[in-house]
N, C-alpha and C. Protein backbone atom coordinates (compact mmCIF):
# COMPACT_ATOMS: atom_id res chain seq x y z
N UNK A 1 21.32 -7.27 16.17
CA UNK A 1 20.04 -7.50 15.52
C UNK A 1 19.05 -7.96 16.58
N UNK A 2 17.93 -7.25 16.70
CA UNK A 2 16.94 -7.60 17.70
C UNK A 2 15.98 -8.66 17.20
N UNK A 3 15.48 -9.45 18.13
CA UNK A 3 14.48 -10.44 17.77
C UNK A 3 13.71 -10.81 19.03
N UNK A 4 12.59 -11.46 18.84
CA UNK A 4 11.80 -11.92 19.97
C UNK A 4 12.48 -13.11 20.60
N UNK A 5 12.41 -13.22 21.89
CA UNK A 5 12.94 -14.38 22.59
C UNK A 5 11.87 -15.46 22.53
N UNK A 6 12.10 -16.48 21.73
CA UNK A 6 11.10 -17.53 21.53
C UNK A 6 10.99 -18.49 22.71
N UNK A 7 11.88 -18.38 23.68
CA UNK A 7 11.84 -19.28 24.83
C UNK A 7 10.87 -18.80 25.90
N UNK A 8 10.40 -17.57 25.80
CA UNK A 8 9.48 -17.02 26.78
C UNK A 8 8.13 -16.82 26.15
N UNK A 9 7.08 -16.96 26.96
CA UNK A 9 5.73 -16.71 26.47
C UNK A 9 5.55 -15.22 26.23
N UNK A 10 4.85 -14.89 25.15
CA UNK A 10 4.52 -13.50 24.89
C UNK A 10 3.44 -13.06 25.85
N UNK A 11 3.57 -11.87 26.34
CA UNK A 11 2.58 -11.31 27.25
C UNK A 11 2.00 -10.07 26.59
N UNK A 12 0.69 -10.05 26.47
CA UNK A 12 0.02 -8.88 25.92
C UNK A 12 -0.44 -8.01 27.08
N UNK A 13 0.04 -6.79 27.11
CA UNK A 13 -0.34 -5.85 28.14
C UNK A 13 -1.25 -4.80 27.55
N UNK A 14 -2.07 -4.20 28.39
CA UNK A 14 -2.88 -3.08 27.94
C UNK A 14 -1.94 -2.00 27.44
N UNK A 15 -2.32 -1.33 26.37
CA UNK A 15 -1.45 -0.32 25.77
C UNK A 15 -1.42 0.92 26.66
N UNK A 16 -0.27 1.20 27.29
CA UNK A 16 -0.19 2.36 28.17
C UNK A 16 0.08 3.67 27.42
N UNK A 17 0.10 3.63 26.10
CA UNK A 17 0.45 4.79 25.29
C UNK A 17 -0.72 5.76 25.25
N UNK A 18 -0.44 6.98 25.60
CA UNK A 18 -1.44 8.04 25.57
C UNK A 18 -0.99 9.05 24.53
N UNK A 19 -1.90 9.42 23.66
CA UNK A 19 -1.56 10.41 22.65
C UNK A 19 -1.56 11.80 23.30
N UNK A 20 -0.52 12.56 22.96
CA UNK A 20 -0.45 13.94 23.40
C UNK A 20 -0.46 14.83 22.16
N UNK A 21 -0.83 16.09 22.35
CA UNK A 21 -1.00 16.99 21.21
C UNK A 21 0.25 17.13 20.36
N UNK A 22 1.42 17.07 20.96
CA UNK A 22 2.65 17.27 20.19
C UNK A 22 3.13 16.01 19.48
N UNK A 23 2.50 14.88 19.71
CA UNK A 23 2.92 13.61 19.11
C UNK A 23 2.30 13.46 17.72
N UNK A 24 3.12 13.26 16.68
CA UNK A 24 2.55 12.99 15.36
C UNK A 24 1.66 11.74 15.41
N UNK A 25 0.53 11.80 14.72
CA UNK A 25 -0.42 10.69 14.78
C UNK A 25 0.18 9.39 14.24
N UNK A 26 1.02 9.48 13.20
CA UNK A 26 1.66 8.27 12.67
C UNK A 26 2.53 7.60 13.73
N UNK A 27 3.22 8.38 14.54
CA UNK A 27 4.03 7.81 15.63
C UNK A 27 3.13 7.12 16.64
N UNK A 28 2.04 7.77 17.02
CA UNK A 28 1.10 7.18 17.96
C UNK A 28 0.59 5.82 17.45
N UNK A 29 0.25 5.75 16.16
CA UNK A 29 -0.24 4.50 15.58
C UNK A 29 0.86 3.45 15.53
N UNK A 30 2.07 3.88 15.19
CA UNK A 30 3.19 2.94 15.12
C UNK A 30 3.50 2.36 16.50
N UNK A 31 3.46 3.18 17.53
CA UNK A 31 3.70 2.69 18.89
C UNK A 31 2.69 1.60 19.26
N UNK A 32 1.48 1.69 18.73
CA UNK A 32 0.43 0.70 19.00
C UNK A 32 0.53 -0.53 18.11
N UNK A 33 1.41 -0.52 17.11
CA UNK A 33 1.53 -1.66 16.20
C UNK A 33 0.47 -1.67 15.11
N UNK A 34 -0.11 -0.51 14.78
CA UNK A 34 -1.17 -0.43 13.77
C UNK A 34 -0.69 0.12 12.43
N UNK A 35 0.57 0.54 12.35
CA UNK A 35 1.10 1.26 11.19
C UNK A 35 2.03 0.33 10.40
N UNK A 36 1.83 0.28 9.06
CA UNK A 36 2.58 -0.65 8.22
C UNK A 36 3.17 0.05 7.00
N UNK A 37 4.23 -0.55 6.48
CA UNK A 37 4.96 -0.04 5.33
C UNK A 37 5.10 -1.18 4.33
N UNK A 38 4.90 -0.89 3.03
CA UNK A 38 5.06 -1.91 2.00
C UNK A 38 5.53 -1.30 0.70
N UNK A 39 6.33 -2.05 -0.04
CA UNK A 39 6.87 -1.57 -1.32
C UNK A 39 6.97 -2.72 -2.30
N UNK A 40 6.72 -2.41 -3.56
CA UNK A 40 6.89 -3.41 -4.61
C UNK A 40 8.34 -3.42 -5.07
N UNK A 41 8.72 -4.49 -5.73
CA UNK A 41 9.95 -4.47 -6.51
C UNK A 41 9.64 -3.65 -7.76
N UNK A 42 10.60 -3.51 -8.64
CA UNK A 42 10.36 -2.78 -9.87
C UNK A 42 9.32 -3.53 -10.72
N UNK A 43 8.26 -2.82 -11.08
CA UNK A 43 7.20 -3.37 -11.93
C UNK A 43 7.50 -2.96 -13.36
N UNK A 44 7.68 -3.94 -14.24
CA UNK A 44 7.95 -3.65 -15.65
C UNK A 44 6.66 -3.77 -16.43
N UNK A 45 6.43 -2.79 -17.31
CA UNK A 45 5.22 -2.78 -18.14
C UNK A 45 5.55 -2.02 -19.42
N UNK A 46 4.55 -1.59 -20.13
CA UNK A 46 4.76 -0.93 -21.42
C UNK A 46 4.59 -1.93 -22.55
N UNK A 47 4.92 -1.50 -23.76
CA UNK A 47 4.74 -2.36 -24.93
C UNK A 47 3.32 -2.92 -24.99
N UNK A 48 2.34 -2.04 -24.73
CA UNK A 48 0.94 -2.45 -24.79
C UNK A 48 0.41 -3.08 -23.52
N UNK A 49 1.20 -3.18 -22.48
CA UNK A 49 0.76 -3.80 -21.22
C UNK A 49 0.84 -2.77 -20.09
N UNK A 50 0.13 -3.04 -19.01
CA UNK A 50 0.11 -2.16 -17.84
C UNK A 50 0.53 -2.97 -16.62
N UNK A 51 0.53 -2.32 -15.47
CA UNK A 51 0.84 -2.97 -14.19
C UNK A 51 0.01 -2.27 -13.11
N UNK A 52 -0.06 -2.88 -11.94
CA UNK A 52 -0.73 -2.24 -10.82
C UNK A 52 -0.17 -2.76 -9.51
N UNK A 53 -0.41 -1.97 -8.46
CA UNK A 53 -0.09 -2.38 -7.09
C UNK A 53 -1.17 -1.78 -6.19
N UNK A 54 -1.69 -2.57 -5.27
CA UNK A 54 -2.78 -2.06 -4.46
C UNK A 54 -2.88 -2.69 -3.09
N UNK A 55 -3.54 -1.96 -2.21
CA UNK A 55 -3.86 -2.44 -0.87
C UNK A 55 -5.28 -2.98 -0.88
N UNK A 56 -5.45 -4.22 -0.40
CA UNK A 56 -6.75 -4.87 -0.41
C UNK A 56 -7.14 -5.28 1.00
N UNK A 57 -8.33 -4.86 1.40
CA UNK A 57 -8.85 -5.17 2.72
C UNK A 57 -9.77 -6.39 2.59
N UNK A 58 -9.37 -7.55 3.13
CA UNK A 58 -10.20 -8.75 3.01
C UNK A 58 -11.58 -8.58 3.64
N UNK A 59 -12.55 -9.30 3.11
CA UNK A 59 -13.93 -9.20 3.60
C UNK A 59 -14.05 -9.50 5.09
N UNK A 60 -13.21 -10.39 5.61
CA UNK A 60 -13.32 -10.81 7.00
C UNK A 60 -12.22 -10.21 7.89
N UNK A 61 -11.64 -9.08 7.49
CA UNK A 61 -10.49 -8.53 8.22
C UNK A 61 -10.84 -7.98 9.61
N UNK A 62 -12.03 -7.43 9.76
CA UNK A 62 -12.40 -6.82 11.03
C UNK A 62 -11.76 -5.45 11.26
N UNK A 63 -11.12 -4.90 10.20
CA UNK A 63 -10.47 -3.59 10.33
C UNK A 63 -10.85 -2.70 9.15
N UNK A 64 -10.72 -1.40 9.37
CA UNK A 64 -10.79 -0.43 8.28
C UNK A 64 -9.36 -0.09 7.89
N UNK A 65 -9.12 0.04 6.59
CA UNK A 65 -7.83 0.44 6.04
C UNK A 65 -7.81 1.95 5.91
N UNK A 66 -6.78 2.58 6.48
CA UNK A 66 -6.56 4.03 6.34
C UNK A 66 -5.26 4.22 5.57
N UNK A 67 -5.34 4.78 4.36
CA UNK A 67 -4.13 5.01 3.57
C UNK A 67 -3.44 6.26 4.12
N UNK A 68 -2.20 6.08 4.57
CA UNK A 68 -1.44 7.22 5.10
C UNK A 68 -0.68 7.92 3.97
N UNK A 69 0.07 7.15 3.17
CA UNK A 69 0.79 7.75 2.05
C UNK A 69 0.98 6.74 0.93
N UNK A 70 1.26 7.27 -0.25
CA UNK A 70 1.56 6.43 -1.41
C UNK A 70 2.58 7.19 -2.26
N UNK A 71 3.37 6.43 -3.00
CA UNK A 71 4.25 7.06 -3.97
C UNK A 71 4.58 6.10 -5.09
N UNK A 72 4.79 6.68 -6.27
CA UNK A 72 5.18 5.94 -7.47
C UNK A 72 6.49 6.55 -7.95
N UNK A 73 7.51 5.71 -8.09
CA UNK A 73 8.80 6.16 -8.60
C UNK A 73 8.99 5.62 -10.01
N UNK A 74 9.09 6.52 -10.98
CA UNK A 74 9.30 6.11 -12.37
C UNK A 74 10.77 5.76 -12.54
N UNK A 75 11.05 4.48 -12.68
CA UNK A 75 12.43 4.00 -12.82
C UNK A 75 12.78 3.68 -14.26
N UNK A 76 11.86 3.92 -15.18
CA UNK A 76 12.08 3.62 -16.59
C UNK A 76 12.46 4.85 -17.40
N UNK A 77 12.42 4.70 -18.72
CA UNK A 77 12.80 5.79 -19.63
C UNK A 77 11.60 6.42 -20.33
N UNK A 78 10.39 6.01 -19.95
CA UNK A 78 9.16 6.50 -20.57
C UNK A 78 8.32 7.21 -19.52
N UNK A 79 7.66 8.30 -19.91
CA UNK A 79 6.71 8.95 -18.99
C UNK A 79 5.59 7.96 -18.68
N UNK A 80 5.12 7.97 -17.44
CA UNK A 80 4.07 7.03 -17.05
C UNK A 80 2.87 7.77 -16.47
N UNK A 81 1.74 7.07 -16.48
CA UNK A 81 0.51 7.57 -15.88
C UNK A 81 0.15 6.65 -14.71
N UNK A 82 -0.16 7.24 -13.56
CA UNK A 82 -0.60 6.49 -12.38
C UNK A 82 -2.04 6.86 -12.09
N UNK A 83 -2.95 5.91 -12.31
CA UNK A 83 -4.37 6.12 -12.02
C UNK A 83 -4.66 5.54 -10.64
N UNK A 84 -5.30 6.32 -9.80
CA UNK A 84 -5.65 5.85 -8.46
C UNK A 84 -7.12 5.47 -8.47
N UNK A 85 -7.37 4.20 -8.12
CA UNK A 85 -8.72 3.63 -8.14
C UNK A 85 -9.15 3.25 -6.73
N UNK A 86 -10.41 3.53 -6.41
CA UNK A 86 -11.00 3.13 -5.14
C UNK A 86 -11.94 1.95 -5.39
N UNK A 87 -11.78 0.89 -4.61
CA UNK A 87 -12.71 -0.25 -4.56
C UNK A 87 -12.96 -0.90 -5.92
N UNK A 88 -11.90 -1.09 -6.69
CA UNK A 88 -12.04 -1.71 -8.02
C UNK A 88 -11.57 -3.16 -7.98
N UNK A 89 -11.84 -3.86 -9.07
CA UNK A 89 -11.39 -5.24 -9.27
C UNK A 89 -10.41 -5.23 -10.44
N UNK A 90 -9.11 -5.31 -10.16
CA UNK A 90 -8.14 -5.27 -11.25
C UNK A 90 -8.02 -6.62 -11.96
N UNK A 91 -7.60 -6.56 -13.21
CA UNK A 91 -7.34 -7.80 -13.95
C UNK A 91 -5.86 -8.15 -13.80
N UNK A 92 -5.48 -9.27 -14.34
CA UNK A 92 -4.09 -9.70 -14.28
C UNK A 92 -3.86 -10.75 -13.20
N UNK A 93 -2.64 -11.25 -13.17
CA UNK A 93 -2.24 -12.29 -12.23
C UNK A 93 -1.66 -11.64 -10.97
N UNK A 94 -2.48 -11.50 -9.93
CA UNK A 94 -2.07 -10.83 -8.70
C UNK A 94 -1.09 -11.68 -7.91
N UNK A 95 -0.05 -11.03 -7.41
CA UNK A 95 0.96 -11.68 -6.57
C UNK A 95 1.07 -10.88 -5.28
N UNK A 96 1.08 -11.56 -4.14
CA UNK A 96 1.22 -10.89 -2.85
C UNK A 96 2.64 -10.35 -2.71
N UNK A 97 2.75 -9.10 -2.30
CA UNK A 97 4.04 -8.47 -2.03
C UNK A 97 4.46 -8.87 -0.62
N UNK A 98 5.66 -9.41 -0.50
CA UNK A 98 6.12 -9.91 0.79
C UNK A 98 6.99 -8.91 1.55
N UNK A 99 7.25 -7.76 0.95
CA UNK A 99 8.07 -6.75 1.62
C UNK A 99 7.19 -5.77 2.38
N UNK A 100 6.36 -6.30 3.27
CA UNK A 100 5.49 -5.50 4.13
C UNK A 100 5.96 -5.71 5.56
N UNK A 101 6.17 -4.60 6.27
CA UNK A 101 6.64 -4.70 7.65
C UNK A 101 5.88 -3.72 8.53
N UNK A 102 5.84 -3.98 9.84
CA UNK A 102 5.24 -2.99 10.74
C UNK A 102 6.17 -1.79 10.87
N UNK A 103 5.60 -0.63 11.12
CA UNK A 103 6.43 0.54 11.36
C UNK A 103 7.20 0.41 12.66
N UNK A 104 6.65 -0.30 13.63
CA UNK A 104 7.29 -0.50 14.93
C UNK A 104 7.88 -1.90 14.97
N UNK A 105 9.17 -2.00 14.74
CA UNK A 105 9.84 -3.31 14.75
C UNK A 105 10.31 -3.70 16.15
N UNK A 106 10.02 -2.87 17.15
CA UNK A 106 10.43 -3.19 18.52
C UNK A 106 9.40 -4.05 19.24
N UNK A 107 8.19 -4.16 18.70
CA UNK A 107 7.16 -4.97 19.35
C UNK A 107 7.46 -6.46 19.19
N UNK A 108 7.14 -7.22 20.22
CA UNK A 108 7.42 -8.65 20.21
C UNK A 108 6.19 -9.38 20.72
N UNK A 109 5.56 -10.21 19.93
CA UNK A 109 5.88 -10.50 18.54
C UNK A 109 5.49 -9.32 17.65
N UNK A 110 6.11 -9.21 16.47
CA UNK A 110 5.77 -8.10 15.58
C UNK A 110 4.33 -8.23 15.09
N UNK A 111 3.62 -7.11 14.98
CA UNK A 111 2.26 -7.18 14.47
C UNK A 111 2.23 -7.60 13.01
N UNK A 112 1.17 -8.30 12.64
CA UNK A 112 0.99 -8.74 11.25
C UNK A 112 -0.19 -8.00 10.65
N UNK A 113 -0.01 -7.46 9.45
CA UNK A 113 -1.12 -6.72 8.84
C UNK A 113 -2.24 -7.64 8.39
N UNK A 114 -3.45 -7.14 8.47
CA UNK A 114 -4.59 -7.86 7.89
C UNK A 114 -4.79 -7.45 6.44
N UNK A 115 -4.33 -6.25 6.10
CA UNK A 115 -4.43 -5.72 4.75
C UNK A 115 -3.37 -6.40 3.89
N UNK A 116 -3.72 -6.77 2.66
CA UNK A 116 -2.76 -7.37 1.74
C UNK A 116 -2.30 -6.37 0.69
N UNK A 117 -1.01 -6.37 0.43
CA UNK A 117 -0.44 -5.58 -0.68
C UNK A 117 -0.17 -6.55 -1.81
N UNK A 118 -0.78 -6.28 -2.97
CA UNK A 118 -0.64 -7.15 -4.14
C UNK A 118 -0.16 -6.33 -5.33
N UNK A 119 0.43 -7.02 -6.31
CA UNK A 119 0.90 -6.38 -7.54
C UNK A 119 0.63 -7.31 -8.73
N UNK A 120 0.65 -6.73 -9.92
CA UNK A 120 0.51 -7.51 -11.15
C UNK A 120 1.20 -6.78 -12.29
N UNK A 121 1.79 -7.54 -13.20
CA UNK A 121 2.39 -6.99 -14.41
C UNK A 121 1.74 -7.69 -15.60
N UNK A 122 2.07 -7.25 -16.80
CA UNK A 122 1.50 -7.81 -18.03
C UNK A 122 -0.03 -7.75 -18.05
N UNK A 123 -0.57 -6.64 -17.55
CA UNK A 123 -2.02 -6.44 -17.46
C UNK A 123 -2.51 -5.79 -18.74
N UNK A 124 -3.63 -6.30 -19.27
CA UNK A 124 -4.18 -5.78 -20.52
C UNK A 124 -5.31 -4.78 -20.29
N UNK A 125 -6.19 -5.05 -19.31
CA UNK A 125 -7.38 -4.23 -19.10
C UNK A 125 -7.26 -3.34 -17.88
N UNK A 126 -7.98 -2.19 -17.92
CA UNK A 126 -8.09 -1.34 -16.75
C UNK A 126 -8.96 -2.04 -15.71
N UNK A 127 -8.89 -1.59 -14.44
CA UNK A 127 -9.73 -2.21 -13.41
C UNK A 127 -11.21 -2.09 -13.72
N UNK A 128 -11.99 -3.02 -13.17
CA UNK A 128 -13.44 -3.02 -13.32
C UNK A 128 -14.08 -2.52 -12.04
N UNK A 129 -15.22 -1.88 -12.18
CA UNK A 129 -15.95 -1.39 -11.02
C UNK A 129 -15.18 -0.34 -10.26
N UNK A 130 -15.67 0.01 -9.11
CA UNK A 130 -15.02 1.03 -8.32
C UNK A 130 -15.02 2.37 -9.03
N UNK A 131 -14.17 3.26 -8.57
CA UNK A 131 -14.09 4.61 -9.15
C UNK A 131 -12.63 5.01 -9.34
N UNK A 132 -12.35 5.59 -10.50
CA UNK A 132 -11.04 6.19 -10.72
C UNK A 132 -11.08 7.53 -9.99
N UNK A 133 -10.30 7.68 -8.94
CA UNK A 133 -10.37 8.86 -8.09
C UNK A 133 -9.55 10.02 -8.64
N UNK A 134 -8.33 9.75 -9.10
CA UNK A 134 -7.49 10.79 -9.65
C UNK A 134 -6.33 10.17 -10.41
N UNK A 135 -5.59 11.01 -11.14
CA UNK A 135 -4.50 10.54 -12.00
C UNK A 135 -3.29 11.44 -11.79
N UNK A 136 -2.11 10.82 -11.80
CA UNK A 136 -0.86 11.57 -11.74
C UNK A 136 0.03 11.11 -12.89
N UNK A 137 0.92 11.99 -13.34
CA UNK A 137 1.87 11.70 -14.41
C UNK A 137 3.27 11.83 -13.83
N UNK A 138 4.16 10.91 -14.22
CA UNK A 138 5.55 10.96 -13.74
C UNK A 138 6.50 10.80 -14.91
N UNK A 139 7.39 11.75 -15.06
CA UNK A 139 8.46 11.67 -16.06
C UNK A 139 9.51 10.68 -15.58
N UNK A 140 10.42 10.24 -16.45
CA UNK A 140 11.49 9.34 -16.02
C UNK A 140 12.28 9.93 -14.86
N UNK A 141 12.67 9.08 -13.93
CA UNK A 141 13.45 9.45 -12.74
C UNK A 141 12.74 10.45 -11.84
N UNK A 142 11.40 10.44 -11.86
CA UNK A 142 10.61 11.33 -11.01
C UNK A 142 9.71 10.47 -10.12
N UNK A 143 9.53 10.91 -8.89
CA UNK A 143 8.62 10.25 -7.96
C UNK A 143 7.43 11.17 -7.70
N UNK A 144 6.23 10.60 -7.79
CA UNK A 144 5.01 11.33 -7.45
C UNK A 144 4.33 10.60 -6.30
N UNK A 145 3.57 11.30 -5.52
CA UNK A 145 2.87 10.68 -4.41
C UNK A 145 2.22 11.73 -3.54
N UNK A 146 1.65 11.26 -2.45
CA UNK A 146 1.02 12.18 -1.53
C UNK A 146 0.92 11.55 -0.16
N UNK A 147 0.83 12.40 0.84
CA UNK A 147 0.59 11.98 2.20
C UNK A 147 -0.88 12.23 2.48
N UNK A 148 -1.66 11.16 2.54
CA UNK A 148 -3.11 11.28 2.69
C UNK A 148 -3.52 11.35 4.15
N UNK A 149 -2.64 10.97 5.05
CA UNK A 149 -2.83 11.05 6.50
C UNK A 149 -4.11 10.32 6.96
N UNK A 150 -4.45 9.24 6.28
CA UNK A 150 -5.57 8.41 6.70
C UNK A 150 -6.93 8.84 6.22
N UNK A 151 -7.02 9.87 5.39
CA UNK A 151 -8.33 10.37 4.96
C UNK A 151 -9.02 9.45 3.96
N UNK A 152 -8.29 8.56 3.31
CA UNK A 152 -8.90 7.56 2.43
C UNK A 152 -9.11 6.30 3.26
N UNK A 153 -10.37 5.94 3.49
CA UNK A 153 -10.73 4.85 4.40
C UNK A 153 -11.49 3.79 3.63
N UNK A 154 -11.08 2.53 3.78
CA UNK A 154 -11.68 1.42 3.05
C UNK A 154 -12.10 0.33 4.02
N UNK A 155 -13.38 -0.03 4.03
CA UNK A 155 -13.88 -1.08 4.91
C UNK A 155 -13.48 -2.46 4.37
N UNK A 156 -13.79 -3.50 5.12
CA UNK A 156 -13.56 -4.84 4.58
C UNK A 156 -14.17 -4.98 3.19
N UNK A 157 -13.41 -5.56 2.26
CA UNK A 157 -13.83 -5.71 0.87
C UNK A 157 -13.40 -4.55 -0.01
N UNK A 158 -12.85 -3.49 0.58
CA UNK A 158 -12.43 -2.32 -0.18
C UNK A 158 -10.97 -2.40 -0.62
N UNK A 159 -10.59 -1.47 -1.51
CA UNK A 159 -9.21 -1.47 -2.01
C UNK A 159 -8.78 -0.08 -2.47
N UNK A 160 -7.47 0.15 -2.41
CA UNK A 160 -6.83 1.35 -2.92
C UNK A 160 -5.77 0.87 -3.91
N UNK A 161 -5.93 1.21 -5.19
CA UNK A 161 -5.11 0.62 -6.25
C UNK A 161 -4.46 1.71 -7.09
N UNK A 162 -3.21 1.49 -7.45
CA UNK A 162 -2.52 2.37 -8.39
C UNK A 162 -2.27 1.57 -9.66
N UNK A 163 -2.89 2.04 -10.76
CA UNK A 163 -2.81 1.38 -12.07
C UNK A 163 -1.81 2.15 -12.92
N UNK A 164 -0.78 1.47 -13.42
CA UNK A 164 0.33 2.10 -14.15
C UNK A 164 0.29 1.79 -15.64
N UNK A 165 0.50 2.82 -16.45
CA UNK A 165 0.56 2.64 -17.91
C UNK A 165 1.45 3.73 -18.49
N UNK A 166 1.75 3.61 -19.77
CA UNK A 166 2.53 4.66 -20.47
C UNK A 166 1.84 5.01 -21.79
N UNK A 167 0.68 5.68 -21.72
CA UNK A 167 -0.10 5.96 -22.93
C UNK A 167 0.57 6.90 -23.92
N UNK A 168 1.51 7.72 -23.47
CA UNK A 168 2.18 8.63 -24.39
C UNK A 168 3.16 7.91 -25.31
N UNK A 169 3.72 6.81 -24.82
CA UNK A 169 4.68 6.01 -25.60
C UNK A 169 4.34 4.54 -25.41
N UNK A 170 3.16 4.11 -25.88
CA UNK A 170 2.69 2.75 -25.56
C UNK A 170 3.53 1.62 -26.14
N UNK A 171 4.37 1.90 -27.13
CA UNK A 171 5.20 0.85 -27.71
C UNK A 171 6.58 0.78 -27.10
N UNK A 172 6.81 1.53 -26.04
CA UNK A 172 8.09 1.48 -25.34
C UNK A 172 7.92 0.78 -23.99
N UNK A 173 9.03 0.32 -23.44
CA UNK A 173 8.97 -0.30 -22.12
C UNK A 173 8.92 0.79 -21.06
N UNK A 174 8.42 0.43 -19.88
CA UNK A 174 8.32 1.35 -18.75
C UNK A 174 8.53 0.55 -17.47
N UNK A 175 8.84 1.25 -16.40
CA UNK A 175 9.05 0.58 -15.11
C UNK A 175 8.82 1.57 -13.98
N UNK A 176 8.37 1.04 -12.84
CA UNK A 176 8.13 1.88 -11.67
C UNK A 176 8.09 1.01 -10.42
N UNK A 177 8.26 1.65 -9.28
CA UNK A 177 8.02 1.00 -7.98
C UNK A 177 6.89 1.76 -7.31
N UNK A 178 6.16 1.05 -6.44
CA UNK A 178 5.05 1.65 -5.71
C UNK A 178 5.27 1.38 -4.23
N UNK A 179 5.13 2.42 -3.42
CA UNK A 179 5.30 2.32 -1.96
C UNK A 179 4.03 2.81 -1.27
N UNK A 180 3.69 2.16 -0.15
CA UNK A 180 2.53 2.55 0.63
C UNK A 180 2.88 2.58 2.12
N UNK A 181 2.20 3.45 2.85
CA UNK A 181 2.12 3.34 4.30
C UNK A 181 0.63 3.42 4.63
N UNK A 182 0.23 2.69 5.68
CA UNK A 182 -1.17 2.66 6.06
C UNK A 182 -1.29 2.24 7.51
N UNK A 183 -2.50 2.43 8.05
CA UNK A 183 -2.79 1.86 9.33
C UNK A 183 -4.11 1.14 9.28
N UNK A 184 -4.29 0.26 10.26
CA UNK A 184 -5.48 -0.58 10.36
C UNK A 184 -6.16 -0.28 11.69
N UNK A 185 -7.44 0.05 11.60
CA UNK A 185 -8.22 0.39 12.80
C UNK A 185 -9.30 -0.65 12.98
N UNK A 186 -9.30 -1.31 14.13
CA UNK A 186 -10.29 -2.35 14.41
C UNK A 186 -11.70 -1.76 14.38
N UNK A 187 -12.61 -2.50 13.74
CA UNK A 187 -14.01 -2.07 13.66
C UNK A 187 -14.70 -2.53 14.93
N UNK A 188 -15.28 -1.58 15.64
CA UNK A 188 -16.01 -1.89 16.87
C UNK A 188 -17.48 -1.57 16.63
N UNK A 189 -18.32 -2.59 16.74
CA UNK A 189 -19.76 -2.38 16.51
C UNK A 189 -20.52 -2.39 17.81
């Protein structure tokens, strides 16, 4: 098991990594410590309630959030709807997801994301403000998602949210997990 040697001072060197045409961009970002992965535990909802999981860029982050990929895995017995919202304010009791790690675990010290991954269950209302960008439907034991490759970009104060519900069977229970990959690009003015 690898870890940083805490007895030595960390030295930050200029990044000698040069992107070449054959290198996947996600690898290039991961080598720089800018690429992150996060996943929720199983989110339970249904019976008249919803859930959500989203990436939130704090107002003072100094970075732009680039969504690389997202996926929703329906782990319940009810068909679910996943609404994707840009820059909205969700309701409910938000909890920070702690299962967020850098894509490059070889860096010492490991990079820490400025973007927060949050989740909520037992949600009554849809998000406020922002825009509902698109909707996906997932049957039981089906995963839906997409590789956005960074084309969805959110400045400080912005968010990318997946709102989960089961409108076809609202009186039944439902469950899903949500996974994200993203990178953070420093804003240079």
